[in-house]
Amino acid sequence: MTLAFTPPASLDHEEIARRIPHQGSMCLLDRVSAWDSERISCEATSHLDPGNPLRAHGRLGAACGIEYAAQAMAVHGALVAEMQAAAPDEAPKAGYLVSVRGVSLHVARLDDLGTAMAVRAERRSGNAGSVLYDFTVHAGDALLLSGRAVVMLDAAMAPTNPKETP
């Protein structure tokens, strides 16, 4: 008997933490509000916490929004892997953020926003080895940052010497 996968409509912080390697205060996202096979929308308020582990020199710089987006991509990858898994207990491939490009920061910092952030990622292309995402981080209607990221999947399969070929 095969059970049909029914994706959760939304996930809370605990459900997110079960799917990504970031734990404790490093799990930055509060909630997944929507997702499908190509995109994810998350919400976060941890940028307002004075104990945020990414804070440095008494502030949380806007570039830290890249980590929020990376965690959204990680949750998305885990959810898609669960949806596509042949076996319910099949572990998803580990993903590693290998590059970000075209990042535009529209604010200097994230900790002074006074409101929740919306973190969105959209899969643009990919294969069994890597995925390209576009990402944005908003506070209300204000765009805080945007960019593109490449996530390498199953890095254990990648050559350790760049001159090697797979």
N, C-alpha and C. Protein backbone atom coordinates (compact mmCIF):
# COMPACT_ATOMS: atom_id res chain seq x y z
N MET A 1 0.84 -1.18 0.00
CA MET A 1 0.00 0.00 0.00
C MET A 1 0.88 1.24 0.00
N THR A 2 0.66 2.16 -0.91
CA THR A 2 1.42 3.40 -0.99
C THR A 2 0.59 4.53 -0.40
N LEU A 3 1.22 5.28 0.50
CA LEU A 3 0.53 6.41 1.09
C LEU A 3 0.81 7.66 0.27
N ALA A 4 -0.19 8.44 0.03
CA ALA A 4 -0.01 9.69 -0.71
C ALA A 4 0.58 10.74 0.22
N PHE A 5 1.50 11.52 -0.28
CA PHE A 5 2.11 12.59 0.50
C PHE A 5 1.17 13.79 0.49
N THR A 6 0.82 14.28 1.65
CA THR A 6 0.02 15.49 1.78
C THR A 6 0.89 16.55 2.42
N PRO A 7 1.34 17.53 1.65
CA PRO A 7 2.22 18.54 2.23
C PRO A 7 1.50 19.39 3.27
N PRO A 8 2.21 19.73 4.35
CA PRO A 8 1.59 20.61 5.33
C PRO A 8 1.35 22.00 4.73
N ALA A 9 0.26 22.61 5.10
CA ALA A 9 -0.07 23.94 4.59
C ALA A 9 0.92 24.97 5.12
N SER A 10 1.31 24.84 6.38
CA SER A 10 2.30 25.74 6.97
C SER A 10 3.05 24.96 8.04
N LEU A 11 4.20 25.48 8.42
CA LEU A 11 5.01 24.84 9.45
C LEU A 11 5.39 25.89 10.48
N ASP A 12 5.47 25.45 11.74
CA ASP A 12 5.91 26.35 12.79
C ASP A 12 7.42 26.18 13.01
N HIS A 13 7.96 26.92 13.97
CA HIS A 13 9.40 26.92 14.23
C HIS A 13 9.91 25.51 14.53
N GLU A 14 9.17 24.76 15.32
CA GLU A 14 9.59 23.39 15.68
C GLU A 14 9.68 22.50 14.44
N GLU A 15 8.70 22.60 13.55
CA GLU A 15 8.71 21.80 12.32
C GLU A 15 9.85 22.22 11.39
N ILE A 16 10.17 23.49 11.37
CA ILE A 16 11.31 23.96 10.58
C ILE A 16 12.59 23.38 11.14
N ALA A 17 12.77 23.47 12.46
CA ALA A 17 13.99 22.98 13.10
C ALA A 17 14.20 21.48 12.88
N ARG A 18 13.13 20.73 12.72
CA ARG A 18 13.27 19.29 12.44
C ARG A 18 13.83 19.04 11.05
N ARG A 19 13.76 20.03 10.18
CA ARG A 19 14.14 19.83 8.78
C ARG A 19 15.46 20.47 8.38
N ILE A 20 16.03 21.30 9.22
CA ILE A 20 17.29 21.96 8.86
C ILE A 20 18.33 21.70 9.94
N PRO A 21 19.60 21.85 9.62
CA PRO A 21 20.64 21.58 10.62
C PRO A 21 20.75 22.66 11.70
N HIS A 22 20.22 23.83 11.47
CA HIS A 22 20.32 24.95 12.42
C HIS A 22 19.37 24.72 13.60
N GLN A 23 19.92 24.78 14.80
CA GLN A 23 19.13 24.50 15.99
C GLN A 23 19.24 25.66 16.98
N GLY A 24 18.40 25.62 18.00
CA GLY A 24 18.42 26.65 19.02
C GLY A 24 18.18 28.02 18.41
N SER A 25 18.91 29.00 18.90
CA SER A 25 18.71 30.37 18.41
C SER A 25 19.20 30.56 16.98
N MET A 26 19.96 29.59 16.44
CA MET A 26 20.41 29.71 15.06
C MET A 26 19.33 29.30 14.06
N CYS A 27 18.26 28.70 14.51
CA CYS A 27 17.11 28.43 13.63
C CYS A 27 16.30 29.73 13.62
N LEU A 28 16.46 30.51 12.56
CA LEU A 28 16.01 31.90 12.53
C LEU A 28 14.56 32.10 12.09
N LEU A 29 13.97 31.14 11.43
CA LEU A 29 12.64 31.31 10.87
C LEU A 29 11.56 30.89 11.86
N ASP A 30 10.49 31.67 11.92
CA ASP A 30 9.37 31.37 12.81
C ASP A 30 8.35 30.44 12.16
N ARG A 31 8.14 30.64 10.87
CA ARG A 31 7.02 29.95 10.24
C ARG A 31 7.21 29.89 8.73
N VAL A 32 6.78 28.77 8.15
CA VAL A 32 6.61 28.66 6.70
C VAL A 32 5.14 28.94 6.47
N SER A 33 4.85 29.99 5.72
CA SER A 33 3.45 30.36 5.50
C SER A 33 2.87 29.73 4.24
N ALA A 34 3.72 29.43 3.25
CA ALA A 34 3.26 28.80 2.02
C ALA A 34 4.46 28.21 1.28
N TRP A 35 4.21 27.15 0.53
CA TRP A 35 5.27 26.58 -0.30
C TRP A 35 4.66 25.66 -1.34
N ASP A 36 5.40 25.47 -2.42
CA ASP A 36 5.07 24.46 -3.41
C ASP A 36 6.40 23.94 -3.95
N SER A 37 6.39 23.20 -5.03
CA SER A 37 7.63 22.58 -5.51
C SER A 37 8.65 23.59 -6.03
N GLU A 38 8.25 24.81 -6.28
CA GLU A 38 9.17 25.82 -6.84
C GLU A 38 9.50 26.97 -5.91
N ARG A 39 8.69 27.23 -4.88
CA ARG A 39 8.90 28.43 -4.07
C ARG A 39 8.48 28.21 -2.63
N ILE A 40 8.97 29.11 -1.76
CA ILE A 40 8.61 29.06 -0.35
C ILE A 40 8.52 30.48 0.19
N SER A 41 7.61 30.70 1.12
CA SER A 41 7.46 31.97 1.83
C SER A 41 7.52 31.67 3.32
N CYS A 42 8.39 32.40 4.01
CA CYS A 42 8.58 32.20 5.45
C CYS A 42 8.45 33.53 6.17
N GLU A 43 8.25 33.46 7.47
CA GLU A 43 8.19 34.65 8.31
C GLU A 43 9.23 34.52 9.41
N ALA A 44 9.78 35.66 9.82
CA ALA A 44 10.77 35.67 10.88
C ALA A 44 10.64 36.93 11.73
N THR A 45 10.89 36.75 13.03
CA THR A 45 10.97 37.89 13.94
C THR A 45 12.27 37.85 14.75
N SER A 46 13.08 36.83 14.55
CA SER A 46 14.32 36.69 15.33
C SER A 46 15.30 37.83 15.09
N HIS A 47 15.13 38.57 14.00
CA HIS A 47 16.01 39.72 13.74
C HIS A 47 15.80 40.82 14.78
N LEU A 48 14.68 40.79 15.48
CA LEU A 48 14.37 41.79 16.51
C LEU A 48 14.92 41.41 17.88
N ASP A 49 15.40 40.18 18.02
CA ASP A 49 15.89 39.66 19.30
C ASP A 49 17.31 40.17 19.57
N PRO A 50 17.53 40.87 20.69
CA PRO A 50 18.89 41.34 21.01
C PRO A 50 19.88 40.19 21.18
N GLY A 51 19.38 38.97 21.41
CA GLY A 51 20.25 37.80 21.55
C GLY A 51 20.48 37.06 20.24
N ASN A 52 20.07 37.62 19.11
CA ASN A 52 20.27 36.96 17.81
C ASN A 52 21.75 36.63 17.63
N PRO A 53 22.09 35.37 17.34
CA PRO A 53 23.49 34.97 17.25
C PRO A 53 24.26 35.61 16.08
N LEU A 54 23.57 36.22 15.14
CA LEU A 54 24.24 36.87 14.02
C LEU A 54 24.60 38.33 14.30
N ARG A 55 24.13 38.84 15.41
CA ARG A 55 24.43 40.24 15.75
C ARG A 55 25.93 40.42 15.99
N ALA A 56 26.45 41.54 15.56
CA ALA A 56 27.85 41.89 15.80
C ALA A 56 27.92 43.39 16.04
N HIS A 57 28.72 43.79 17.00
CA HIS A 57 28.92 45.20 17.31
C HIS A 57 27.60 45.91 17.61
N GLY A 58 26.70 45.18 18.31
CA GLY A 58 25.44 45.77 18.74
C GLY A 58 24.41 45.96 17.65
N ARG A 59 24.55 45.26 16.52
CA ARG A 59 23.58 45.42 15.43
C ARG A 59 23.51 44.16 14.58
N LEU A 60 22.46 44.09 13.77
CA LEU A 60 22.28 42.98 12.83
C LEU A 60 22.28 43.58 11.43
N GLY A 61 23.38 43.45 10.75
CA GLY A 61 23.52 44.02 9.42
C GLY A 61 22.61 43.36 8.40
N ALA A 62 22.28 44.11 7.36
CA ALA A 62 21.36 43.61 6.33
C ALA A 62 21.88 42.38 5.62
N ALA A 63 23.19 42.23 5.49
CA ALA A 63 23.75 41.05 4.81
C ALA A 63 23.38 39.76 5.54
N CYS A 64 23.04 39.85 6.82
CA CYS A 64 22.60 38.67 7.57
C CYS A 64 21.30 38.12 7.00
N GLY A 65 20.59 38.91 6.24
CA GLY A 65 19.37 38.43 5.59
C GLY A 65 19.64 37.28 4.64
N ILE A 66 20.89 37.17 4.16
CA ILE A 66 21.25 36.04 3.30
C ILE A 66 21.09 34.73 4.06
N GLU A 67 21.45 34.73 5.34
CA GLU A 67 21.28 33.51 6.16
C GLU A 67 19.80 33.17 6.32
N TYR A 68 18.95 34.16 6.49
CA TYR A 68 17.51 33.90 6.56
C TYR A 68 17.04 33.24 5.26
N ALA A 69 17.49 33.77 4.13
CA ALA A 69 17.10 33.20 2.84
C ALA A 69 17.65 31.79 2.68
N ALA A 70 18.89 31.56 3.12
CA ALA A 70 19.50 30.23 3.02
C ALA A 70 18.70 29.22 3.83
N GLN A 71 18.22 29.62 5.00
CA GLN A 71 17.41 28.70 5.80
C GLN A 71 16.07 28.42 5.13
N ALA A 72 15.50 29.41 4.47
CA ALA A 72 14.26 29.18 3.72
C ALA A 72 14.52 28.18 2.59
N MET A 73 15.65 28.31 1.91
CA MET A 73 16.00 27.36 0.85
C MET A 73 16.19 25.96 1.42
N ALA A 74 16.82 25.86 2.60
CA ALA A 74 17.03 24.56 3.23
C ALA A 74 15.71 23.89 3.58
N VAL A 75 14.79 24.66 4.14
CA VAL A 75 13.46 24.11 4.46
C VAL A 75 12.76 23.68 3.18
N HIS A 76 12.85 24.52 2.15
CA HIS A 76 12.22 24.19 0.88
C HIS A 76 12.78 22.88 0.32
N GLY A 77 14.10 22.76 0.32
CA GLY A 77 14.72 21.53 -0.17
C GLY A 77 14.26 20.30 0.59
N ALA A 78 14.16 20.43 1.92
CA ALA A 78 13.71 19.30 2.74
C ALA A 78 12.26 18.94 2.43
N LEU A 79 11.41 19.94 2.29
CA LEU A 79 10.00 19.69 1.99
C LEU A 79 9.82 19.03 0.63
N VAL A 80 10.54 19.52 -0.36
CA VAL A 80 10.45 18.93 -1.70
C VAL A 80 10.97 17.50 -1.68
N ALA A 81 12.07 17.27 -0.94
CA ALA A 81 12.61 15.91 -0.84
C ALA A 81 11.61 14.97 -0.16
N GLU A 82 10.93 15.45 0.87
CA GLU A 82 9.90 14.64 1.53
C GLU A 82 8.79 14.30 0.56
N MET A 83 8.40 15.26 -0.24
CA MET A 83 7.31 15.08 -1.19
C MET A 83 7.70 14.04 -2.25
N GLN A 84 8.98 14.03 -2.63
CA GLN A 84 9.43 13.16 -3.71
C GLN A 84 10.03 11.84 -3.23
N ALA A 85 10.20 11.67 -1.94
CA ALA A 85 10.87 10.49 -1.39
C ALA A 85 10.13 9.21 -1.74
N ALA A 86 10.90 8.24 -2.15
CA ALA A 86 10.33 6.93 -2.44
C ALA A 86 9.96 6.21 -1.15
N ALA A 87 10.77 6.44 -0.11
CA ALA A 87 10.50 5.84 1.19
C ALA A 87 10.31 6.96 2.20
N PRO A 88 9.35 6.85 3.11
CA PRO A 88 9.07 7.93 4.07
C PRO A 88 10.27 8.32 4.93
N ASP A 89 11.15 7.38 5.24
CA ASP A 89 12.29 7.67 6.11
C ASP A 89 13.56 8.01 5.33
N GLU A 90 13.46 8.15 4.02
CA GLU A 90 14.62 8.45 3.20
C GLU A 90 15.15 9.85 3.56
N ALA A 91 16.43 9.92 3.90
CA ALA A 91 17.03 11.20 4.30
C ALA A 91 17.26 12.08 3.08
N PRO A 92 16.91 13.37 3.18
CA PRO A 92 17.18 14.27 2.05
C PRO A 92 18.68 14.52 1.93
N LYS A 93 19.11 14.90 0.73
CA LYS A 93 20.51 15.24 0.52
C LYS A 93 20.83 16.53 1.26
N ALA A 94 22.02 16.56 1.84
CA ALA A 94 22.46 17.79 2.50
C ALA A 94 22.75 18.84 1.44
N GLY A 95 22.40 20.08 1.72
CA GLY A 95 22.66 21.17 0.79
C GLY A 95 23.64 22.15 1.40
N TYR A 96 24.49 22.71 0.57
CA TYR A 96 25.49 23.67 1.02
C TYR A 96 25.43 24.91 0.15
N LEU A 97 25.31 26.06 0.78
CA LEU A 97 25.31 27.32 0.05
C LEU A 97 26.72 27.54 -0.48
N VAL A 98 26.87 27.59 -1.80
CA VAL A 98 28.21 27.72 -2.38
C VAL A 98 28.47 29.07 -3.00
N SER A 99 27.43 29.81 -3.34
CA SER A 99 27.66 31.17 -3.85
C SER A 99 26.38 31.99 -3.77
N VAL A 100 26.59 33.29 -3.63
CA VAL A 100 25.50 34.25 -3.76
C VAL A 100 25.95 35.28 -4.78
N ARG A 101 25.02 35.73 -5.57
CA ARG A 101 25.33 36.68 -6.64
C ARG A 101 24.23 37.73 -6.70
N GLY A 102 24.59 38.88 -7.23
CA GLY A 102 23.60 39.92 -7.49
C GLY A 102 22.87 40.37 -6.24
N VAL A 103 23.54 40.32 -5.10
CA VAL A 103 22.87 40.71 -3.86
C VAL A 103 22.75 42.23 -3.81
N SER A 104 21.54 42.70 -3.56
CA SER A 104 21.27 44.12 -3.38
C SER A 104 20.73 44.33 -1.98
N LEU A 105 21.42 45.16 -1.20
CA LEU A 105 20.97 45.51 0.14
C LEU A 105 20.31 46.87 0.06
N HIS A 106 19.06 46.95 0.50
CA HIS A 106 18.30 48.20 0.42
C HIS A 106 18.19 48.92 1.75
N VAL A 107 18.70 48.29 2.82
CA VAL A 107 18.75 48.88 4.15
C VAL A 107 20.12 48.54 4.73
N ALA A 108 20.50 49.24 5.79
CA ALA A 108 21.78 48.98 6.43
C ALA A 108 21.69 47.86 7.46
N ARG A 109 20.54 47.75 8.11
CA ARG A 109 20.41 46.77 9.19
C ARG A 109 19.00 46.22 9.26
N LEU A 110 18.88 45.08 9.96
CA LEU A 110 17.60 44.39 10.08
C LEU A 110 16.99 44.51 11.47
N ASP A 111 17.78 44.81 12.47
CA ASP A 111 17.29 44.79 13.85
C ASP A 111 16.50 46.02 14.23
N ASP A 112 16.43 47.01 13.40
CA ASP A 112 15.69 48.23 13.74
C ASP A 112 14.39 48.38 12.93
N LEU A 113 13.91 47.30 12.35
CA LEU A 113 12.73 47.35 11.50
C LEU A 113 11.43 47.50 12.29
N GLY A 114 11.36 46.87 13.44
CA GLY A 114 10.16 46.94 14.26
C GLY A 114 9.00 46.11 13.76
N THR A 115 9.23 45.23 12.79
CA THR A 115 8.16 44.39 12.25
C THR A 115 8.75 43.07 11.76
N ALA A 116 7.89 42.10 11.52
CA ALA A 116 8.32 40.80 11.01
C ALA A 116 8.86 40.93 9.59
N MET A 117 9.71 39.97 9.22
CA MET A 117 10.23 39.92 7.86
C MET A 117 9.56 38.76 7.12
N ALA A 118 9.36 38.96 5.83
CA ALA A 118 8.91 37.90 4.93
C ALA A 118 10.12 37.47 4.11
N VAL A 119 10.42 36.19 4.14
CA VAL A 119 11.59 35.64 3.44
C VAL A 119 11.06 34.71 2.36
N ARG A 120 11.44 34.99 1.12
CA ARG A 120 10.94 34.20 0.00
C ARG A 120 12.09 33.68 -0.85
N ALA A 121 11.95 32.46 -1.32
CA ALA A 121 12.94 31.87 -2.23
C ALA A 121 12.19 31.16 -3.34
N GLU A 122 12.73 31.27 -4.54
CA GLU A 122 12.11 30.62 -5.70
C GLU A 122 13.17 29.87 -6.48
N ARG A 123 12.92 28.60 -6.69
CA ARG A 123 13.84 27.76 -7.45
C ARG A 123 13.77 28.15 -8.92
N ARG A 124 14.90 28.50 -9.50
CA ARG A 124 14.95 28.90 -10.91
C ARG A 124 15.39 27.76 -11.82
N SER A 125 16.30 26.94 -11.34
CA SER A 125 16.76 25.79 -12.11
C SER A 125 17.49 24.86 -11.16
N GLY A 126 17.77 23.67 -11.64
CA GLY A 126 18.50 22.74 -10.80
C GLY A 126 18.52 21.35 -11.38
N ASN A 127 19.34 20.53 -10.75
CA ASN A 127 19.44 19.13 -11.12
C ASN A 127 19.79 18.35 -9.85
N ALA A 128 20.24 17.12 -10.00
CA ALA A 128 20.55 16.30 -8.83
C ALA A 128 21.75 16.83 -8.05
N GLY A 129 22.54 17.71 -8.66
CA GLY A 129 23.75 18.20 -8.00
C GLY A 129 23.68 19.59 -7.42
N SER A 130 22.83 20.44 -8.01
CA SER A 130 22.77 21.82 -7.51
C SER A 130 21.44 22.47 -7.87
N VAL A 131 21.14 23.55 -7.14
CA VAL A 131 19.89 24.29 -7.36
C VAL A 131 20.21 25.78 -7.33
N LEU A 132 19.60 26.53 -8.23
CA LEU A 132 19.71 27.98 -8.27
C LEU A 132 18.41 28.58 -7.77
N TYR A 133 18.52 29.45 -6.76
CA TYR A 133 17.36 30.13 -6.19
C TYR A 133 17.50 31.64 -6.35
N ASP A 134 16.38 32.33 -6.57
CA ASP A 134 16.27 33.77 -6.37
C ASP A 134 15.68 33.94 -4.98
N PHE A 135 16.10 34.98 -4.26
CA PHE A 135 15.53 35.21 -2.93
C PHE A 135 15.29 36.69 -2.69
N THR A 136 14.31 36.96 -1.83
CA THR A 136 14.01 38.32 -1.39
C THR A 136 13.67 38.27 0.09
N VAL A 137 13.93 39.39 0.76
CA VAL A 137 13.53 39.57 2.14
C VAL A 137 12.82 40.92 2.21
N HIS A 138 11.61 40.92 2.75
CA HIS A 138 10.78 42.12 2.84
C HIS A 138 10.37 42.39 4.29
N ALA A 139 10.07 43.63 4.58
CA ALA A 139 9.38 44.02 5.81
C ALA A 139 8.16 44.82 5.32
N GLY A 140 7.00 44.22 5.43
CA GLY A 140 5.83 44.84 4.83
C GLY A 140 6.04 44.93 3.33
N ASP A 141 5.81 46.11 2.76
CA ASP A 141 6.01 46.30 1.32
C ASP A 141 7.44 46.67 0.97
N ALA A 142 8.29 46.92 1.96
CA ALA A 142 9.66 47.37 1.72
C ALA A 142 10.59 46.20 1.42
N LEU A 143 11.25 46.24 0.28
CA LEU A 143 12.26 45.26 -0.08
C LEU A 143 13.53 45.57 0.70
N LEU A 144 14.01 44.61 1.48
CA LEU A 144 15.21 44.80 2.29
C LEU A 144 16.46 44.33 1.57
N LEU A 145 16.38 43.15 0.93
CA LEU A 145 17.49 42.63 0.16
C LEU A 145 16.98 41.60 -0.82
N SER A 146 17.78 41.36 -1.84
CA SER A 146 17.44 40.36 -2.85
C SER A 146 18.74 39.83 -3.44
N GLY A 147 18.64 38.69 -4.11
CA GLY A 147 19.82 38.12 -4.76
C GLY A 147 19.52 36.74 -5.30
N ARG A 148 20.61 36.07 -5.69
CA ARG A 148 20.55 34.69 -6.20
C ARG A 148 21.53 33.86 -5.40
N ALA A 149 21.21 32.59 -5.24
CA ALA A 149 22.09 31.69 -4.50
C ALA A 149 22.15 30.35 -5.20
N VAL A 150 23.32 29.74 -5.15
CA VAL A 150 23.50 28.38 -5.65
C VAL A 150 23.71 27.48 -4.44
N VAL A 151 22.92 26.42 -4.40
CA VAL A 151 23.03 25.41 -3.34
C VAL A 151 23.52 24.12 -3.99
N MET A 152 24.64 23.60 -3.48
CA MET A 152 25.15 22.32 -3.96
C MET A 152 24.55 21.24 -3.09
N LEU A 153 24.04 20.19 -3.71
CA LEU A 153 23.42 19.08 -3.00
C LEU A 153 24.41 17.93 -2.89
N ASP A 154 24.36 17.23 -1.78
CA ASP A 154 25.17 16.04 -1.57
C ASP A 154 26.64 16.32 -1.88
N ALA A 155 27.22 17.24 -1.13
CA ALA A 155 28.60 17.67 -1.36
C ALA A 155 29.60 16.54 -1.23
N ALA A 156 29.24 15.44 -0.59
CA ALA A 156 30.16 14.31 -0.47
C ALA A 156 30.50 13.74 -1.85
N MET A 157 29.66 14.00 -2.82
CA MET A 157 29.89 13.51 -4.18
C MET A 157 30.80 14.44 -4.98
N ALA A 158 31.04 15.65 -4.48
CA ALA A 158 31.84 16.63 -5.22
C ALA A 158 33.33 16.33 -5.06
N PRO A 159 34.12 16.59 -6.09
CA PRO A 159 35.58 16.39 -5.96
C PRO A 159 36.16 17.40 -4.99
N THR A 160 37.14 16.96 -4.19
CA THR A 160 37.79 17.87 -3.24
C THR A 160 38.88 18.66 -3.92
N ASN A 161 39.39 18.18 -5.01
CA ASN A 161 40.41 18.89 -5.78
C ASN A 161 39.74 19.46 -7.03
N PRO A 162 39.75 20.80 -7.20
CA PRO A 162 39.06 21.38 -8.35
C PRO A 162 39.55 20.87 -9.71
N LYS A 163 40.75 20.27 -9.76
CA LYS A 163 41.27 19.74 -11.03
C LYS A 163 40.72 18.36 -11.32
N GLU A 164 40.11 17.73 -10.30
CA GLU A 164 39.51 16.41 -10.52
C GLU A 164 38.19 16.56 -11.25
N THR A 165 37.82 15.57 -11.99
CA THR A 165 36.51 15.56 -12.61
C THR A 165 35.71 14.42 -12.03
N PRO A 166 34.42 14.59 -11.90
CA PRO A 166 33.60 13.53 -11.30
C PRO A 166 33.51 12.30 -12.19
